[in-house]
Each structure stands twice: as structure tokens, then as C-alpha cells.
N, C-alpha and C. Protein backbone atom coordinates (compact mmCIF):
# COMPACT_ATOMS: atom_id res chain seq x y z
N ASP A 1 -33.20 11.71 91.52
CA ASP A 1 -32.88 10.63 90.53
C ASP A 1 -34.05 10.20 89.84
N THR A 2 -33.90 9.82 88.52
CA THR A 2 -34.98 9.34 87.66
C THR A 2 -34.66 7.98 87.19
N LEU A 3 -35.68 7.14 87.23
CA LEU A 3 -35.64 5.73 86.79
C LEU A 3 -36.04 5.66 85.41
N HIS A 4 -35.32 5.04 84.59
CA HIS A 4 -35.72 4.70 83.18
C HIS A 4 -35.36 3.28 82.82
N PRO A 5 -36.08 2.60 82.03
CA PRO A 5 -35.71 1.19 81.76
C PRO A 5 -34.40 1.17 80.93
N LEU A 6 -33.62 0.03 81.09
CA LEU A 6 -32.35 -0.09 80.25
C LEU A 6 -32.74 -0.70 79.12
N VAL A 7 -33.78 -1.75 79.13
CA VAL A 7 -34.26 -2.42 78.00
C VAL A 7 -35.83 -2.25 77.97
N ASP A 8 -36.42 -1.87 76.92
CA ASP A 8 -37.75 -1.65 76.80
C ASP A 8 -38.28 -2.14 75.44
N THR A 9 -39.53 -2.23 75.31
CA THR A 9 -40.15 -2.67 73.92
C THR A 9 -41.07 -1.54 73.69
N MET A 10 -41.28 -1.40 72.27
CA MET A 10 -42.31 -0.49 71.78
C MET A 10 -43.70 -1.09 71.86
N PRO A 11 -44.56 -0.37 72.68
CA PRO A 11 -45.89 -0.94 72.85
C PRO A 11 -46.69 -0.88 71.55
N SER A 12 -47.61 -1.83 71.46
CA SER A 12 -48.45 -1.83 70.18
C SER A 12 -49.30 -0.58 70.06
N SER A 13 -49.43 0.18 71.06
CA SER A 13 -50.25 1.44 71.12
C SER A 13 -49.34 2.69 70.94
N ALA A 14 -48.20 2.46 70.10
CA ALA A 14 -47.24 3.57 69.99
C ALA A 14 -47.84 4.71 69.27
N THR A 15 -47.35 5.91 69.51
CA THR A 15 -48.04 7.08 68.94
C THR A 15 -47.75 7.12 67.51
N ALA A 16 -48.39 7.91 66.68
CA ALA A 16 -48.10 8.10 65.29
C ALA A 16 -46.75 8.44 64.94
N SER A 17 -46.12 9.30 65.71
CA SER A 17 -44.82 9.78 65.51
C SER A 17 -43.76 8.60 65.62
N LEU A 18 -44.14 7.58 66.26
CA LEU A 18 -43.27 6.31 66.57
C LEU A 18 -43.76 5.16 65.65
N ALA A 19 -44.71 5.39 64.76
CA ALA A 19 -45.29 4.26 64.22
C ALA A 19 -44.37 3.45 63.26
N HIS A 20 -43.31 4.03 62.89
CA HIS A 20 -42.33 3.32 61.97
C HIS A 20 -41.44 2.49 62.86
N ALA A 21 -41.49 2.48 64.06
CA ALA A 21 -40.61 1.74 64.99
C ALA A 21 -41.13 0.24 64.87
N ARG A 22 -40.23 -0.73 65.10
CA ARG A 22 -40.61 -2.05 65.07
C ARG A 22 -41.23 -2.45 66.42
N VAL A 23 -42.56 -2.47 66.36
CA VAL A 23 -43.39 -2.75 67.50
C VAL A 23 -43.09 -4.08 68.09
N GLY A 24 -42.85 -4.07 69.51
CA GLY A 24 -42.61 -5.36 70.11
C GLY A 24 -41.08 -5.73 70.31
N GLU A 25 -40.26 -5.17 69.52
CA GLU A 25 -38.77 -5.59 69.67
C GLU A 25 -38.10 -4.71 70.78
N ALA A 26 -37.30 -5.46 71.35
CA ALA A 26 -36.63 -4.87 72.54
C ALA A 26 -35.56 -3.81 71.98
N THR A 27 -35.47 -2.83 72.85
CA THR A 27 -34.64 -1.64 72.45
C THR A 27 -33.72 -1.38 73.75
N LEU A 28 -32.52 -1.31 73.58
CA LEU A 28 -31.45 -1.00 74.65
C LEU A 28 -31.29 0.56 74.72
N TYR A 29 -31.55 1.13 76.00
CA TYR A 29 -31.44 2.48 76.20
C TYR A 29 -30.20 2.80 76.91
N LEU A 30 -29.23 3.49 76.24
CA LEU A 30 -28.04 3.86 76.91
C LEU A 30 -27.77 5.28 76.80
N GLY A 31 -27.50 6.05 77.73
CA GLY A 31 -27.48 7.40 77.77
C GLY A 31 -26.09 7.94 78.44
N SER A 32 -26.36 8.63 79.40
CA SER A 32 -25.31 9.24 80.27
C SER A 32 -24.27 8.21 80.94
N PRO A 33 -23.01 8.59 80.84
CA PRO A 33 -22.02 7.65 81.62
C PRO A 33 -22.21 7.70 82.97
N HIS A 34 -23.26 8.50 83.58
CA HIS A 34 -23.65 8.62 85.04
C HIS A 34 -24.75 7.68 85.32
N MET A 35 -25.10 6.85 84.42
CA MET A 35 -26.31 5.91 84.74
C MET A 35 -25.87 4.83 85.69
N ARG A 36 -26.80 4.35 86.26
CA ARG A 36 -26.67 3.22 87.23
C ARG A 36 -27.76 2.12 86.91
N THR A 37 -27.32 0.82 87.17
CA THR A 37 -28.32 -0.07 86.87
C THR A 37 -28.79 -0.46 88.24
N ARG A 38 -30.20 -0.26 88.49
CA ARG A 38 -30.90 -0.72 89.70
C ARG A 38 -30.82 -2.07 90.03
N GLY A 39 -30.46 -2.40 91.16
CA GLY A 39 -30.42 -3.79 91.64
C GLY A 39 -28.94 -4.35 91.55
N LEU A 40 -28.07 -3.77 91.03
CA LEU A 40 -26.64 -4.07 91.02
C LEU A 40 -25.83 -3.13 91.91
N PRO A 41 -24.72 -3.69 92.52
CA PRO A 41 -23.72 -2.76 93.27
C PRO A 41 -23.21 -1.76 92.21
N PRO A 42 -22.78 -0.73 92.67
CA PRO A 42 -22.23 0.26 91.73
C PRO A 42 -21.00 -0.26 90.89
N GLY A 43 -20.16 -1.06 91.39
CA GLY A 43 -19.01 -1.62 90.58
C GLY A 43 -19.50 -2.59 89.53
N GLU A 44 -20.53 -3.25 89.73
CA GLU A 44 -21.06 -4.22 88.66
C GLU A 44 -21.89 -3.46 87.76
N SER A 45 -22.56 -2.52 88.17
CA SER A 45 -23.36 -1.64 87.35
C SER A 45 -22.36 -0.85 86.30
N ASP A 46 -21.31 -0.36 86.81
CA ASP A 46 -20.35 0.38 85.99
C ASP A 46 -19.75 -0.61 84.90
N THR A 47 -19.44 -1.81 85.41
CA THR A 47 -18.84 -2.73 84.42
C THR A 47 -19.79 -3.17 83.30
N LEU A 48 -21.09 -3.44 83.74
CA LEU A 48 -22.05 -3.81 82.74
C LEU A 48 -22.34 -2.61 81.80
N LEU A 49 -22.45 -1.39 82.24
CA LEU A 49 -22.81 -0.29 81.37
C LEU A 49 -21.53 -0.01 80.43
N ARG A 50 -20.38 -0.17 81.03
CA ARG A 50 -19.08 0.14 80.19
C ARG A 50 -19.08 -0.91 79.05
N LEU A 51 -19.38 -2.18 79.38
CA LEU A 51 -19.42 -3.14 78.29
C LEU A 51 -20.52 -2.92 77.31
N LEU A 52 -21.59 -2.54 77.68
CA LEU A 52 -22.77 -2.20 76.77
C LEU A 52 -22.46 -1.01 75.86
N PHE A 53 -21.90 0.16 76.55
CA PHE A 53 -21.37 1.23 75.77
C PHE A 53 -20.32 0.92 74.69
N GLN A 54 -19.26 0.12 75.10
CA GLN A 54 -18.29 -0.36 74.18
C GLN A 54 -18.85 -1.07 73.04
N HIS A 55 -19.90 -1.88 73.30
CA HIS A 55 -20.57 -2.72 72.31
C HIS A 55 -21.31 -1.84 71.25
N ALA A 56 -22.14 -1.02 71.90
CA ALA A 56 -23.03 -0.05 71.08
C ALA A 56 -22.23 0.87 70.30
N THR A 57 -21.01 1.25 70.64
CA THR A 57 -20.25 2.22 69.93
C THR A 57 -19.11 1.63 69.12
N SER A 58 -19.12 0.35 69.07
CA SER A 58 -18.02 -0.38 68.30
C SER A 58 -18.17 -0.07 66.72
N PRO A 59 -17.08 -0.21 65.99
CA PRO A 59 -17.23 0.12 64.51
C PRO A 59 -18.23 -0.37 63.79
N SER A 60 -18.82 -1.62 64.12
CA SER A 60 -19.96 -2.25 63.33
C SER A 60 -21.22 -1.47 63.58
N PHE A 61 -21.34 -0.65 64.63
CA PHE A 61 -22.50 0.19 64.87
C PHE A 61 -22.42 1.58 64.66
N THR A 62 -21.24 1.91 64.16
CA THR A 62 -20.80 3.37 63.92
C THR A 62 -20.70 3.76 62.58
N TYR A 63 -21.21 4.99 62.26
CA TYR A 63 -21.14 5.44 60.88
C TYR A 63 -20.34 6.55 60.86
N PHE A 64 -19.26 6.73 59.95
CA PHE A 64 -18.34 7.78 59.69
C PHE A 64 -18.66 8.31 58.41
N HIS A 65 -18.94 9.58 58.20
CA HIS A 65 -19.15 10.05 56.85
C HIS A 65 -17.95 10.93 56.44
N HIS A 66 -17.57 10.71 55.19
CA HIS A 66 -16.52 11.50 54.66
C HIS A 66 -17.36 12.55 53.81
N TRP A 67 -17.25 13.84 54.27
CA TRP A 67 -18.24 14.90 53.76
C TRP A 67 -17.69 15.33 52.41
N SER A 68 -18.57 15.61 51.40
CA SER A 68 -18.44 16.19 50.15
C SER A 68 -19.32 17.32 50.11
N PRO A 69 -19.02 18.36 49.29
CA PRO A 69 -20.05 19.58 49.13
C PRO A 69 -21.34 19.02 48.72
N GLY A 70 -22.40 19.57 49.39
CA GLY A 70 -23.67 19.22 48.90
C GLY A 70 -24.34 17.92 49.69
N ASP A 71 -23.49 17.34 50.50
CA ASP A 71 -23.99 16.16 51.22
C ASP A 71 -25.00 16.56 52.29
N VAL A 72 -25.97 15.67 52.48
CA VAL A 72 -27.00 15.73 53.45
C VAL A 72 -27.07 14.32 54.20
N VAL A 73 -26.93 14.33 55.49
CA VAL A 73 -27.01 13.03 56.25
C VAL A 73 -28.23 13.11 57.22
N ILE A 74 -29.05 12.08 57.11
CA ILE A 74 -30.21 11.92 58.08
C ILE A 74 -30.02 10.74 58.76
N TRP A 75 -30.15 10.74 60.02
CA TRP A 75 -29.99 9.54 60.98
C TRP A 75 -31.24 9.25 61.72
N ASP A 76 -31.58 7.86 61.71
CA ASP A 76 -32.82 7.41 62.24
C ASP A 76 -32.40 6.67 63.54
N ASN A 77 -32.61 7.07 64.62
CA ASN A 77 -32.16 6.41 65.90
C ASN A 77 -33.02 5.17 66.24
N VAL A 78 -34.18 5.10 65.54
CA VAL A 78 -35.26 3.98 65.90
C VAL A 78 -34.84 2.77 65.18
N GLN A 79 -34.37 2.83 64.02
CA GLN A 79 -34.07 1.56 63.24
C GLN A 79 -32.78 1.02 63.50
């Protein structure tokens, strides 16, 4: 098992490749549906993560592109 923070902040000593990130702002890290929240019983962890996934993937945070010939789409996960 590997432990990763669920919420983290970009340190002021961020590398040049991350220099465009908003330093010091909290970032929510959601990944695999197999994640667990340390310190919570599995049922509570599943409920919390399900709510966070639903929120993060709600239409207000989701972009749908209607493709046309010649379109190029670039996504910045940091912003």
C-alpha cells in the first residue's frame, strides 16, 4: 500500500515545471476508486470519497467538447 495525501498544498519551493501552480493553495487529490482515507473506517472512507468524486465530476467541473475538424484541446490539471 502507498500513502498519498488527500489534500495538499504546493510548497513555495515548487520545481520550475510546476511554477505556474498557485503556490500555497490547497489541492484535492482524487484518483483510484480503490482509495481509502486513513483514519476512517472503510464504510465512512467509501462514503466520503464517493461524495468527493461526485462533486469533482459534477457538470460544473466537467468540460465536454463538441469536436470540429481542426480542433485542438489542451487541458491544464493544475489550474
